[in-house]
């Protein structure tokens, strides 16, 4: 067994169990033909009637014809330079976000008025209020708009200093017998490695209920340190509060990212690059206290900037990000922090033993909370949004993932088995590649797990590809398939190279994860980028087992109208 860090795994260094003879230049063949199908029944009755159906991007996989034009981030005027965003939708509440950029030399408090309406023309205001921001919070604005109608699309905007922000579009969670939920699942957006085609595509998918972002929303590197296509502000690695704030601000000047935030609420967790590479509770692989100061100070700075700049609901003021969001009786979405809250140092080698039962990935308090949420959920589907791969790769040990914390994984699997909890779906980012797999305690034991029927499988996992961050070199695909597939039949699908996203389509009778990829990576100019449908896998209640679909579930035909594009 080889022991790998995540970076080594992604760079094919030392993966003797994965790559038989180095990396070739073999091209990657498409996994499935693009097609569409209605696998999920009729449209969601909770969506607003009379919406602009022509604006929907269908799941044939093309984003070539979009009705949301690209704005030039560098020529926009006004004080709302970073756009608008929303997040963490509840049945009666949603977070609204913006940031005020004051003219040079102006300081002090700024009163910002916000409005929320059911119609894009704001003919009738459903809620409004005032928020005061200042330098102490980097002039960000974050409002928890409450007492809202469930399962409803709203439009919102901000006003300050005689100027009006772009209009945003958001949606509250449904209650009761929700008949369909559509989520986009994304992660890993290294600006230095490419353009944010995925965000632009998601902005055009107007039928989504929310975007689930599983971390690495920003990267901490300096310009040229990891990728060279685009530079960063600040140009050096970020370490201080001012640095992290500037990096978040730089990301939200990207027109594609702003467009996605403008059209959809986001549900987010952080991973390591919101802090430093391979972070854990007490440090990071790429943080040297001798030259970079105390880890606690850097961690606190990164956390503060994250909560200032992201549309996330703050949990009891203690900077935890693990939480549960409910979508009626259909879905409980349990978001956990497998990176920062309680992760102990990943082992390199076997000292201390990586399988020590005392080692935790989540920390004792979060783990107890997590297991309790899964055990007591009465929703049809229990979704787990988290950062690192849960499924096993028995040929080698990736200590950055759940493979490096097997006792923690065993406790979770034991709960599912002993309490007979079904219909758990794990959503994962981090590893810059696409995977769909059954989750079982002993995937290579044919007596305990039958890959054909799913007997012995306890849950399923979808790993979303990166938005831009690099995956494996193309030639690894052939070598990996030869080395791993015969003995890892719990892995139903993988693509180690292409960037893209997952569309999760959920009904009471079926949950499907459909993979969409960019054939030529993220370096193509935005207008030349096209996403294509690659593969879809689904599970049905009580099976805990993935089966292949030939088509992606059709997009809703009655999606609410888009928020108007930002003006240049």
Protein backbone atom coordinates (compact mmCIF):
# COMPACT_ATOMS: atom_id res chain seq x y z
CA UNK A 1 0.00 0.00 0.00
CA UNK A 2 1.32 3.41 -0.99
CA UNK A 3 0.68 6.44 1.21
CA UNK A 4 -0.26 9.61 -0.65
CA UNK A 5 -1.18 13.16 0.07
CA UNK A 6 -3.92 14.57 -2.12
CA UNK A 7 -1.47 16.67 -4.14
CA UNK A 8 0.70 13.63 -4.80
CA UNK A 9 -2.32 11.69 -5.88
CA UNK A 10 -3.34 14.40 -8.31
CA UNK A 11 0.17 14.67 -9.69
CA UNK A 12 0.57 10.89 -10.04
CA UNK A 13 3.56 10.90 -7.72
CA UNK A 14 4.14 7.66 -5.89
CA UNK A 15 0.79 6.16 -6.87
CA UNK A 16 2.26 2.78 -7.62
CA UNK A 17 -1.10 1.12 -7.20
CA UNK A 18 -2.75 3.53 -9.61
CA UNK A 19 -0.34 4.17 -12.47
CA UNK A 20 1.41 1.19 -13.91
CA UNK A 21 3.90 2.88 -16.18
CA UNK A 22 3.80 6.61 -15.80
CA UNK A 23 1.52 8.99 -17.69
CA UNK A 24 0.98 8.76 -21.40
CA UNK A 25 -0.55 11.25 -23.79
CA UNK A 26 -3.60 9.16 -24.55
CA UNK A 27 -6.68 11.32 -25.15
CA UNK A 28 -9.73 10.89 -22.99
CA UNK A 29 -12.70 9.36 -24.75
CA UNK A 30 -16.21 10.60 -23.90
CA UNK A 31 -17.94 8.29 -21.45
CA UNK A 32 -21.51 8.61 -22.73
CA UNK A 33 -23.48 10.21 -25.52
CA UNK A 34 -25.28 13.44 -24.78
CA UNK A 35 -29.04 13.03 -24.56
CA UNK A 36 -32.08 14.19 -22.67
CA UNK A 37 -34.99 12.42 -21.05
CA UNK A 38 -37.77 13.09 -18.58
CA UNK A 39 -36.81 10.83 -15.68
CA UNK A 40 -38.36 12.89 -12.96
CA UNK A 41 -42.03 13.32 -13.76
CA UNK A 42 -43.75 16.65 -14.26
CA UNK A 43 -42.68 20.16 -13.36
CA UNK A 44 -42.51 21.36 -9.77
CA UNK A 45 -45.85 22.92 -8.97
CA UNK A 46 -44.11 25.17 -6.48
CA UNK A 47 -42.32 27.05 -9.24
CA UNK A 48 -43.85 30.32 -10.37
CA UNK A 49 -46.27 30.02 -13.28
CA UNK A 50 -45.73 32.00 -16.44
CA UNK A 51 -41.93 31.96 -16.25
CA UNK A 52 -39.64 32.41 -19.22
CA UNK A 53 -39.31 28.78 -20.28
CA UNK A 54 -37.18 29.70 -23.26
CA UNK A 55 -34.31 30.72 -20.99
CA UNK A 56 -33.83 27.25 -19.53
CA UNK A 57 -30.66 25.41 -20.51
CA UNK A 58 -31.74 21.80 -20.98
CA UNK A 59 -29.75 18.82 -19.90
CA UNK A 60 -28.62 18.04 -23.40
CA UNK A 61 -25.51 19.68 -22.05
CA UNK A 62 -25.09 22.75 -24.21
CA UNK A 63 -24.57 26.20 -22.76
CA UNK A 64 -23.91 27.87 -26.09
CA UNK A 65 -27.18 29.81 -26.23
CA UNK A 66 -27.42 31.76 -23.00
CA UNK A 67 -29.73 34.67 -22.34
CA UNK A 68 -27.47 36.21 -19.68
CA UNK A 69 -24.78 38.27 -21.42
CA UNK A 70 -21.29 38.56 -20.03
CA UNK A 71 -20.49 41.75 -18.13
CA UNK A 72 -17.02 43.27 -18.16
CA UNK A 73 -15.89 43.27 -14.55
CA UNK A 74 -13.24 45.90 -15.11
CA UNK A 75 -15.48 48.56 -16.69
CA UNK A 76 -18.49 48.40 -14.38
CA UNK A 77 -19.26 51.52 -12.38
CA UNK A 78 -21.11 52.22 -9.17
CA UNK A 79 -20.55 51.04 -5.62
CA UNK A 80 -21.81 47.43 -5.96
CA UNK A 81 -18.79 46.16 -7.85
CA UNK A 82 -18.95 42.65 -6.38
CA UNK A 83 -22.54 41.94 -7.34
CA UNK A 84 -25.16 40.32 -5.15
CA UNK A 85 -25.55 36.84 -3.69
CA UNK A 86 -27.90 34.77 -1.59
CA UNK A 87 -27.60 31.54 0.34
CA UNK A 88 -28.70 29.00 2.93
CA UNK A 89 -32.38 28.92 1.95
CA UNK A 90 -34.84 27.86 4.63
CA UNK A 91 -38.59 27.49 4.23
CA UNK A 92 -39.12 30.99 5.63
CA UNK A 93 -35.74 32.72 5.28
CA UNK A 94 -32.72 33.27 3.06
CA UNK A 95 -29.41 35.10 3.39
CA UNK A 96 -28.96 38.16 1.12
CA UNK A 97 -25.46 39.54 0.47
CA UNK A 98 -23.66 42.40 -1.23
CA UNK A 99 -20.67 44.64 -0.71
CA UNK A 100 -20.32 48.42 -0.92
CA UNK A 101 -17.20 49.91 -2.54
CA UNK A 102 -16.85 53.50 -1.37
CA UNK A 103 -15.20 56.25 -3.40
CA UNK A 104 -11.54 56.75 -2.53
CA UNK A 105 -11.10 58.70 0.68
CA UNK A 106 -14.62 58.05 1.98
CA UNK A 107 -14.97 56.14 5.26
CA UNK A 108 -17.50 55.63 8.03
CA UNK A 109 -20.80 53.82 8.36
CA UNK A 110 -22.97 53.23 5.32
CA UNK A 111 -26.71 52.56 5.59
CA UNK A 112 -27.82 50.04 2.97
CA UNK A 113 -31.49 49.43 2.22
CA UNK A 114 -32.60 46.04 0.91
CA UNK A 115 -35.81 45.04 -0.82
CA UNK A 116 -37.28 41.67 -1.71
CA UNK A 117 -40.14 41.06 -4.14
CA UNK A 118 -41.95 38.14 -5.80
CA UNK A 119 -41.71 39.89 -9.17
CA UNK A 120 -38.68 41.06 -11.06
CA UNK A 121 -40.15 44.56 -11.51
CA UNK A 122 -40.59 45.04 -7.72
CA UNK A 123 -44.21 46.06 -8.27
CA UNK A 124 -44.92 44.89 -4.73
CA UNK A 125 -42.25 44.63 -2.03
CA UNK A 126 -42.57 41.51 0.12
CA UNK A 127 -39.91 42.48 2.67
CA UNK A 128 -37.42 45.27 3.22
CA UNK A 129 -35.03 46.67 5.78
CA UNK A 130 -31.80 48.54 6.43
CA UNK A 131 -28.34 47.21 7.25
CA UNK A 132 -25.42 49.36 8.42
CA UNK A 133 -21.98 48.32 7.26
CA UNK A 134 -18.51 49.72 7.85
CA UNK A 135 -14.81 48.96 7.65
CA UNK A 136 -14.98 46.53 10.58
CA UNK A 137 -16.77 44.07 8.28
CA UNK A 138 -15.02 45.21 5.09
CA UNK A 139 -18.21 46.98 3.98
CA UNK A 140 -19.97 43.70 3.30
CA UNK A 141 -23.72 43.44 3.83
CA UNK A 142 -25.38 40.23 5.00
CA UNK A 143 -29.08 40.10 5.83
CA UNK A 144 -31.14 37.16 7.04
CA UNK A 145 -34.47 37.96 5.39
CA UNK A 146 -37.16 36.15 7.40
CA UNK A 147 -40.94 35.58 7.50
CA UNK A 148 -40.95 34.60 3.81
CA UNK A 149 -43.27 32.27 1.91
CA UNK A 150 -41.95 28.72 1.42
CA UNK A 151 -41.00 27.30 -1.97
CA UNK A 152 -41.09 30.73 -3.58
CA UNK A 153 -38.80 32.57 -5.97
CA UNK A 154 -37.92 36.11 -4.87
CA UNK A 155 -35.96 38.97 -6.43
CA UNK A 156 -33.88 41.30 -4.30
CA UNK A 157 -31.76 44.43 -4.55
CA UNK A 158 -29.83 46.89 -2.40
CA UNK A 159 -29.62 50.69 -2.35
CA UNK A 160 -26.92 52.93 -0.85
CA UNK A 161 -25.54 56.41 -1.52
CA UNK A 162 -28.15 57.02 -4.20
CA UNK A 163 -27.19 53.90 -6.19
CA UNK A 164 -28.96 50.58 -6.77
CA UNK A 165 -27.34 47.16 -6.96
CA UNK A 166 -27.97 44.57 -9.66
CA UNK A 167 -31.14 42.57 -9.03
CA UNK A 168 -30.61 39.11 -7.56
CA UNK A 169 -32.85 36.05 -7.75
CA UNK A 170 -33.25 33.53 -4.94
CA UNK A 171 -35.61 30.86 -3.68
CA UNK A 172 -36.83 29.59 -0.32
CA UNK A 173 -37.03 25.88 0.48
CA UNK A 174 -40.29 24.05 0.05
CA UNK A 175 -42.29 22.44 2.84
CA UNK A 176 -44.39 19.32 3.06
CA UNK A 177 -44.54 16.96 0.08
CA UNK A 178 -41.94 18.57 -2.18
CA UNK A 179 -42.10 16.64 -5.44
CA UNK A 180 -38.78 17.62 -7.02
CA UNK A 181 -35.48 19.28 -6.14
CA UNK A 182 -32.69 20.24 -8.54
CA UNK A 183 -29.26 21.13 -7.18
CA UNK A 184 -25.98 21.89 -8.92
CA UNK A 185 -22.93 20.47 -7.13
CA UNK A 186 -19.52 22.13 -7.66
CA UNK A 187 -16.09 22.60 -6.10
CA UNK A 188 -12.48 23.70 -6.67
CA UNK A 189 -12.21 26.96 -8.60
CA UNK A 190 -8.53 27.78 -9.12
CA UNK A 191 -8.66 31.08 -10.99
CA UNK A 192 -5.06 30.59 -12.09
CA UNK A 193 -6.02 27.45 -14.03
CA UNK A 194 -8.84 28.72 -16.18
CA UNK A 195 -12.10 30.54 -16.73
CA UNK A 196 -15.24 29.91 -14.73
CA UNK A 197 -17.30 28.32 -17.52
CA UNK A 198 -19.22 26.25 -15.00
CA UNK A 199 -20.51 29.28 -13.13
CA UNK A 200 -21.68 30.84 -16.39
CA UNK A 201 -23.46 27.60 -17.38
CA UNK A 202 -25.20 27.39 -13.99
CA UNK A 203 -26.36 30.99 -14.28
CA UNK A 204 -28.25 29.90 -17.38
CA UNK A 205 -29.84 26.86 -15.71
CA UNK A 206 -32.77 28.79 -14.32
CA UNK A 207 -34.61 25.75 -12.98
CA UNK A 208 -32.13 25.06 -10.17
CA UNK A 209 -33.24 25.34 -6.55
CA UNK A 210 -29.70 26.02 -5.30
CA UNK A 211 -26.00 25.56 -5.97
CA UNK A 212 -24.12 23.38 -3.46
CA UNK A 213 -20.47 24.47 -3.33
CA UNK A 214 -18.24 21.95 -1.54
CA UNK A 215 -15.19 24.11 -1.03
CA UNK A 216 -12.05 25.59 -2.53
CA UNK A 217 -14.17 28.56 -3.55
CA UNK A 218 -10.96 30.63 -3.51
CA UNK A 219 -7.30 29.58 -3.65
CA UNK A 220 -4.65 31.07 -1.41
CA UNK A 221 -1.62 30.88 -3.72
CA UNK A 222 0.30 33.79 -5.15
CA UNK A 223 0.29 34.50 -8.86
CA UNK A 224 2.25 31.83 -10.74
CA UNK A 225 2.59 29.51 -7.73
CA UNK A 226 -0.10 27.06 -8.87
CA UNK A 227 -1.39 27.78 -12.37
CA UNK A 228 -0.45 30.68 -14.63
CA UNK A 229 -3.46 31.48 -16.81
CA UNK A 230 -4.76 34.28 -14.59
CA UNK A 231 -3.06 36.28 -11.88
CA UNK A 232 -4.32 37.04 -8.39
CA UNK A 233 -4.96 40.04 -6.20
CA UNK A 234 -3.02 40.28 -4.00
CA UNK A 235 -0.27 38.75 -6.16
CA UNK A 236 1.35 37.03 -3.16
CA UNK A 237 0.12 34.12 -1.06
CA UNK A 238 -2.59 35.32 1.31
CA UNK A 239 -2.01 35.13 5.06
CA UNK A 240 -3.54 38.17 6.80
CA UNK A 241 -7.14 39.31 7.16
CA UNK A 242 -6.52 42.05 4.60
CA UNK A 243 -5.10 39.45 2.20
CA UNK A 244 -8.05 37.07 2.51
CA UNK A 245 -10.50 39.94 2.06
CA UNK A 246 -8.72 41.09 -1.10
CA UNK A 247 -8.73 37.56 -2.53
CA UNK A 248 -12.46 37.14 -1.93
CA UNK A 249 -13.01 40.53 -3.51
CA UNK A 250 -10.92 39.51 -6.53
CA UNK A 251 -12.99 36.37 -7.05
CA UNK A 252 -16.25 38.28 -6.89
CA UNK A 253 -15.06 40.63 -9.62
CA UNK A 254 -15.26 37.65 -11.98
CA UNK A 255 -18.34 38.12 -14.16
CA UNK A 256 -19.16 34.41 -14.39
CA UNK A 257 -19.08 33.87 -10.63
CA UNK A 258 -21.22 36.98 -10.09
CA UNK A 259 -23.72 35.70 -12.66
CA UNK A 260 -24.13 32.38 -10.84
CA UNK A 261 -24.61 34.11 -7.51
CA UNK A 262 -27.06 36.54 -9.05
CA UNK A 263 -29.39 33.76 -10.26
CA UNK A 264 -29.21 31.13 -7.48
CA UNK A 265 -28.83 30.77 -3.73
CA UNK A 266 -25.57 29.02 -2.77
CA UNK A 267 -25.11 26.49 0.03
CA UNK A 268 -21.41 26.36 0.85
CA UNK A 269 -18.72 24.79 2.99
CA UNK A 270 -15.05 25.61 2.94
CA UNK A 271 -12.21 23.21 2.13
CA UNK A 272 -8.49 23.77 2.63
CA UNK A 273 -7.69 26.48 0.08
CA UNK A 274 -9.91 28.99 1.81
CA UNK A 275 -7.14 28.68 4.42
CA UNK A 276 -3.93 26.96 3.19
CA UNK A 277 -3.15 23.75 1.35
CA UNK A 278 -3.93 20.56 3.32
CA UNK A 279 -5.31 22.38 6.34
CA UNK A 280 -6.38 20.66 9.51
CA UNK A 281 -7.57 21.77 12.95
CA UNK A 282 -4.13 22.79 14.17
CA UNK A 283 -2.18 23.77 11.05
CA UNK A 284 -1.59 23.17 7.38
CA UNK A 285 0.96 21.42 5.24
CA UNK A 286 1.70 24.74 3.58
CA UNK A 287 1.92 26.89 6.69
CA UNK A 288 5.21 27.39 8.54
CA UNK A 289 4.69 29.07 11.94
CA UNK A 290 8.36 30.01 12.09
CA UNK A 291 8.06 32.29 9.07
CA UNK A 292 4.31 32.84 8.66
CA UNK A 293 3.15 33.39 12.22
CA UNK A 294 0.73 31.47 14.41
CA UNK A 295 -1.71 29.19 12.60
CA UNK A 296 -4.50 30.31 14.94
CA UNK A 297 -4.14 33.87 13.67
CA UNK A 298 -4.16 32.85 10.01
CA UNK A 299 -7.11 30.52 10.55
CA UNK A 300 -9.10 33.24 12.33
CA UNK A 301 -8.39 35.70 9.52
CA UNK A 302 -9.52 33.24 6.86
CA UNK A 303 -12.68 32.40 8.80
CA UNK A 304 -13.58 36.05 9.34
CA UNK A 305 -13.14 36.93 5.68
CA UNK A 306 -15.17 33.87 4.65
CA UNK A 307 -18.12 34.82 6.82
CA UNK A 308 -17.94 38.43 5.67
CA UNK A 309 -17.83 37.60 1.97
CA UNK A 310 -19.96 34.45 1.65
CA UNK A 311 -23.79 34.19 1.85
CA UNK A 312 -23.67 31.63 4.65
CA UNK A 313 -25.79 31.73 7.79
CA UNK A 314 -23.55 32.04 10.84
CA UNK A 315 -24.06 29.34 13.47
CA UNK A 316 -24.26 30.67 17.03
CA UNK A 317 -21.28 32.97 16.51
CA UNK A 318 -18.68 30.19 16.88
CA UNK A 319 -17.72 29.96 13.19
CA UNK A 320 -18.95 26.41 12.75
CA UNK A 321 -20.22 25.66 9.26
CA UNK A 322 -21.85 22.29 9.86
CA UNK A 323 -25.61 22.63 9.63
CA UNK A 324 -28.79 21.06 8.21
CA UNK A 325 -31.10 22.49 5.55
CA UNK A 326 -34.50 20.91 4.91
CA UNK A 327 -36.50 20.75 1.68
CA UNK A 328 -39.83 19.47 2.92
CA UNK A 329 -40.19 15.75 3.36
CA UNK A 330 -38.05 15.10 0.28
CA UNK A 331 -34.52 16.06 1.36
CA UNK A 332 -32.46 16.80 4.44
CA UNK A 333 -29.14 18.32 3.35
CA UNK A 334 -26.55 17.86 6.10
CA UNK A 335 -23.46 19.99 5.50
CA UNK A 336 -20.38 18.95 7.48
CA UNK A 337 -16.84 20.27 7.91
CA UNK A 338 -14.35 17.47 7.25
CA UNK A 339 -11.49 19.98 6.96
CA UNK A 340 -11.14 22.51 9.78
CA UNK A 341 -13.47 22.01 12.75
CA UNK A 342 -12.08 18.81 14.27
CA UNK A 343 -9.77 17.15 11.75
CA UNK A 344 -6.63 15.85 13.42
CA UNK A 345 -3.29 15.86 11.61
CA UNK A 346 -3.24 13.45 8.70
CA UNK A 347 -0.54 10.85 9.10
CA UNK A 348 2.38 10.41 6.78
CA UNK A 349 3.53 6.85 7.14
CA UNK A 350 2.13 4.88 10.05
CA UNK A 351 3.16 6.91 13.10
CA UNK A 352 0.72 7.44 14.72
CA UNK A 353 -1.32 4.61 13.19
CA UNK A 354 -3.73 6.09 10.66
CA UNK A 355 -6.44 3.70 11.87
CA UNK A 356 -6.19 4.73 15.53
CA UNK A 357 -9.84 4.84 16.75
CA UNK A 358 -9.09 7.99 18.70
CA UNK A 359 -8.25 9.98 15.56
CA UNK A 360 -11.14 12.04 14.22
CA UNK A 361 -11.93 13.71 10.92
CA UNK A 362 -14.87 15.72 12.22
CA UNK A 363 -14.06 16.13 15.90
CA UNK A 364 -16.09 14.45 18.63
CA UNK A 365 -18.80 17.12 18.91
CA UNK A 366 -19.42 17.43 15.18
CA UNK A 367 -19.33 13.67 14.64
CA UNK A 368 -21.94 13.13 17.33
CA UNK A 369 -24.11 15.87 15.80
CA UNK A 370 -23.67 14.42 12.29
CA UNK A 371 -24.58 10.87 13.25
CA UNK A 372 -27.59 12.18 15.15
CA UNK A 373 -28.82 14.14 12.13
CA UNK A 374 -28.59 11.11 9.87
CA UNK A 375 -30.17 8.74 12.39
CA UNK A 376 -33.16 10.97 13.19
CA UNK A 377 -33.91 12.34 9.72
CA UNK A 378 -37.37 11.48 8.42
CA UNK A 379 -36.74 12.86 4.92
CA UNK A 380 -36.88 10.49 1.97
CA UNK A 381 -33.28 11.37 1.01
CA UNK A 382 -30.47 12.21 3.39
CA UNK A 383 -27.81 14.21 1.50
CA UNK A 384 -24.38 14.80 3.03
CA UNK A 385 -22.43 17.77 1.63
CA UNK A 386 -18.74 17.49 2.53
CA UNK A 387 -15.22 17.94 1.26
CA UNK A 388 -13.17 14.76 0.82
CA UNK A 389 -13.81 11.37 -0.78
CA UNK A 390 -15.52 8.85 1.48
CA UNK A 391 -15.33 5.75 -0.75
CA UNK A 392 -12.31 3.49 -0.46
CA UNK A 393 -9.37 3.16 -2.83
CA UNK A 394 -7.91 -0.04 -1.36
CA UNK A 395 -4.75 -0.10 -3.49
CA UNK A 396 -3.27 2.93 -1.78
CA UNK A 397 -3.92 5.32 1.07
CA UNK A 398 -4.92 8.92 0.41
CA UNK A 399 -4.49 10.24 3.93
CA UNK A 400 -6.25 13.50 3.06
CA UNK A 401 -9.58 11.69 2.51
CA UNK A 402 -11.74 9.39 4.66
CA UNK A 403 -9.28 6.62 3.75
CA UNK A 404 -6.88 8.36 6.13
CA UNK A 405 -9.46 8.28 8.95
CA UNK A 406 -10.95 4.78 8.63
CA UNK A 407 -12.22 4.60 12.21
CA UNK A 408 -14.38 7.68 11.65
CA UNK A 409 -15.74 6.19 8.44
CA UNK A 410 -16.41 2.86 10.16
CA UNK A 411 -18.48 4.59 12.84
CA UNK A 412 -20.62 6.21 10.15
CA UNK A 413 -21.05 2.98 8.22
CA UNK A 414 -21.87 1.09 11.41
CA UNK A 415 -24.65 3.56 12.16
CA UNK A 416 -26.17 3.05 8.72
CA UNK A 417 -25.97 -0.73 9.06
CA UNK A 418 -27.13 -1.20 12.63
CA UNK A 419 -29.88 1.43 12.54
CA UNK A 420 -30.92 0.37 9.02
CA UNK A 421 -30.73 3.93 7.71
CA UNK A 422 -31.32 3.97 3.96
CA UNK A 423 -31.21 6.53 1.15
CA UNK A 424 -28.07 8.40 2.20
CA UNK A 425 -26.23 10.17 -0.62
CA UNK A 426 -22.76 11.65 0.00
CA UNK A 427 -21.75 14.67 -2.10
CA UNK A 428 -18.01 15.33 -2.34
CA UNK A 429 -15.57 17.77 -3.94
CA UNK A 430 -11.82 18.31 -3.42
CA UNK A 431 -10.20 15.73 -5.69
CA UNK A 432 -10.60 17.48 -9.08
CA UNK A 433 -12.23 14.48 -10.75
CA UNK A 434 -15.61 12.77 -11.21
CA UNK A 435 -16.69 9.61 -9.39
CA UNK A 436 -19.92 7.71 -8.72
CA UNK A 437 -19.81 4.75 -6.35
CA UNK A 438 -21.58 2.52 -3.90
CA UNK A 439 -20.46 2.93 -0.29
CA UNK A 440 -19.87 -0.34 1.49
CA UNK A 441 -17.78 -1.42 4.45
CA UNK A 442 -15.82 -4.04 2.50
CA UNK A 443 -15.91 -3.24 -1.22
CA UNK A 444 -13.49 -5.99 -2.27
CA UNK A 445 -15.21 -8.75 -0.25
CA UNK A 446 -17.61 -10.41 -2.69
CA UNK A 447 -19.28 -12.27 0.15
CA UNK A 448 -20.21 -8.98 1.85
CA UNK A 449 -20.90 -6.81 -1.21
CA UNK A 450 -22.41 -7.69 -4.58
CA UNK A 451 -21.63 -4.93 -7.11
CA UNK A 452 -24.32 -6.16 -9.49
CA UNK A 453 -27.25 -6.01 -7.07
CA UNK A 454 -25.89 -3.61 -4.46
CA UNK A 455 -26.26 -6.13 -1.65
CA UNK A 456 -24.10 -4.86 1.20
CA UNK A 457 -24.03 -1.26 -0.02
CA UNK A 458 -25.00 1.22 2.70
CA UNK A 459 -25.13 4.49 0.75
CA UNK A 460 -23.90 6.07 -2.50
CA UNK A 461 -21.46 8.85 -3.30
CA UNK A 462 -21.14 11.41 -6.09
CA UNK A 463 -17.83 13.29 -6.40
CA UNK A 464 -18.12 16.45 -8.48
CA UNK A 465 -15.32 17.48 -10.85
CA UNK A 466 -13.42 20.71 -10.40
CA UNK A 467 -14.61 23.96 -11.89
CA UNK A 468 -11.07 24.74 -13.08
CA UNK A 469 -8.53 23.04 -10.84
CA UNK A 470 -6.39 20.44 -12.65
CA UNK A 471 -7.09 16.73 -12.47
CA UNK A 472 -4.88 13.85 -13.48
CA UNK A 473 -2.84 13.93 -16.68
CA UNK A 474 -4.93 12.40 -19.49
CA UNK A 475 -2.83 9.24 -19.84
CA UNK A 476 -3.58 8.18 -16.29
CA UNK A 477 -7.12 7.19 -17.29
CA UNK A 478 -6.10 4.02 -19.15
CA UNK A 479 -3.58 2.97 -16.53
CA UNK A 480 -5.99 3.67 -13.69
CA UNK A 481 -8.75 1.64 -15.30
CA UNK A 482 -6.43 -1.32 -15.81
CA UNK A 483 -5.13 -1.13 -12.23
CA UNK A 484 -8.27 -0.35 -10.26
CA UNK A 485 -11.51 -1.27 -11.98
CA UNK A 486 -11.27 -5.08 -11.79
CA UNK A 487 -10.93 -5.05 -8.01
CA UNK A 488 -12.99 -1.96 -7.19
CA UNK A 489 -16.39 -2.70 -8.60
CA UNK A 490 -18.08 -0.41 -6.08
CA UNK A 491 -16.76 2.39 -8.30
CA UNK A 492 -19.37 2.69 -11.03
CA UNK A 493 -17.96 5.68 -12.90
CA UNK A 494 -15.00 7.99 -12.97
CA UNK A 495 -13.44 10.67 -15.11
CA UNK A 496 -10.06 11.80 -13.85
CA UNK A 497 -9.40 14.62 -16.30
CA UNK A 498 -12.31 16.81 -17.31
CA UNK A 499 -13.70 19.82 -15.45
CA UNK A 500 -17.41 20.45 -14.98
CA UNK A 501 -20.25 19.94 -12.53
CA UNK A 502 -23.00 17.59 -11.33
CA UNK A 503 -26.74 18.18 -11.56
CA UNK A 504 -28.57 16.35 -8.79
CA UNK A 505 -32.22 15.70 -9.67
CA UNK A 506 -34.29 14.40 -6.76
CA UNK A 507 -37.85 13.06 -6.64
CA UNK A 508 -39.59 10.79 -4.08
CA UNK A 509 -38.97 7.78 -6.33
CA UNK A 510 -35.49 8.42 -7.74
CA UNK A 511 -32.30 10.42 -7.15
CA UNK A 512 -30.01 11.02 -10.14
CA UNK A 513 -26.56 12.55 -10.41
CA UNK A 514 -25.69 13.68 -13.95
CA UNK A 515 -22.14 14.67 -14.88
CA UNK A 516 -21.49 17.53 -17.31
CA UNK A 517 -17.97 18.18 -18.58
CA UNK A 518 -15.93 20.56 -20.69
CA UNK A 519 -14.06 18.53 -23.27
CA UNK A 520 -11.11 20.92 -23.48
CA UNK A 521 -10.63 21.94 -19.88
CA UNK A 522 -11.09 25.45 -18.55
CA UNK A 523 -8.48 27.31 -20.58
CA UNK A 524 -10.66 28.01 -23.61
CA UNK A 525 -12.03 31.51 -24.00
CA UNK A 526 -15.48 31.67 -22.37
CA UNK A 527 -17.36 32.16 -25.61
CA UNK A 528 -15.79 28.97 -27.02
CA UNK A 529 -16.63 26.75 -24.04
CA UNK A 530 -19.39 24.15 -24.29
CA UNK A 531 -20.44 21.69 -21.60
CA UNK A 532 -21.62 18.24 -22.62
CA UNK A 533 -23.51 15.49 -20.83
CA UNK A 534 -21.15 12.63 -19.92
CA UNK A 535 -22.98 10.15 -17.72
CA UNK A 536 -25.80 9.79 -15.22
CA UNK A 537 -26.30 7.38 -12.34
CA UNK A 538 -29.33 6.99 -10.12
CA UNK A 539 -30.57 5.21 -7.02
CA UNK A 540 -34.07 4.38 -5.85
CA UNK A 541 -35.44 4.24 -2.28
CA UNK A 542 -34.20 1.34 -0.22
CA UNK A 543 -31.52 0.17 -2.69
CA UNK A 544 -28.44 2.20 -1.66
CA UNK A 545 -27.02 1.23 -5.04
CA UNK A 546 -26.21 3.11 -8.26
CA UNK A 547 -27.42 2.07 -11.67
CA UNK A 548 -26.56 3.75 -14.95
CA UNK A 549 -29.03 5.97 -16.80
CA UNK A 550 -28.71 6.65 -20.50
CA UNK A 551 -30.00 10.19 -20.20
CA UNK A 552 -30.03 13.10 -17.80
CA UNK A 553 -33.30 14.14 -16.22
CA UNK A 554 -34.97 16.91 -18.23
CA UNK A 555 -34.82 20.45 -16.97
CA UNK A 556 -37.99 22.02 -15.64
CA UNK A 557 -40.02 23.78 -18.30
CA UNK A 558 -41.50 26.47 -16.02
CA UNK A 559 -38.43 28.03 -14.43
CA UNK A 560 -38.92 31.56 -13.06
CA UNK A 561 -37.57 34.45 -15.10
CA UNK A 562 -33.90 35.35 -14.76
CA UNK A 563 -32.78 38.37 -12.82
CA UNK A 564 -31.76 41.06 -15.34
CA UNK A 565 -28.14 40.87 -16.40
CA UNK A 566 -25.75 43.36 -14.84
CA UNK A 567 -25.23 46.50 -16.89
CA UNK A 568 -21.71 47.25 -18.06
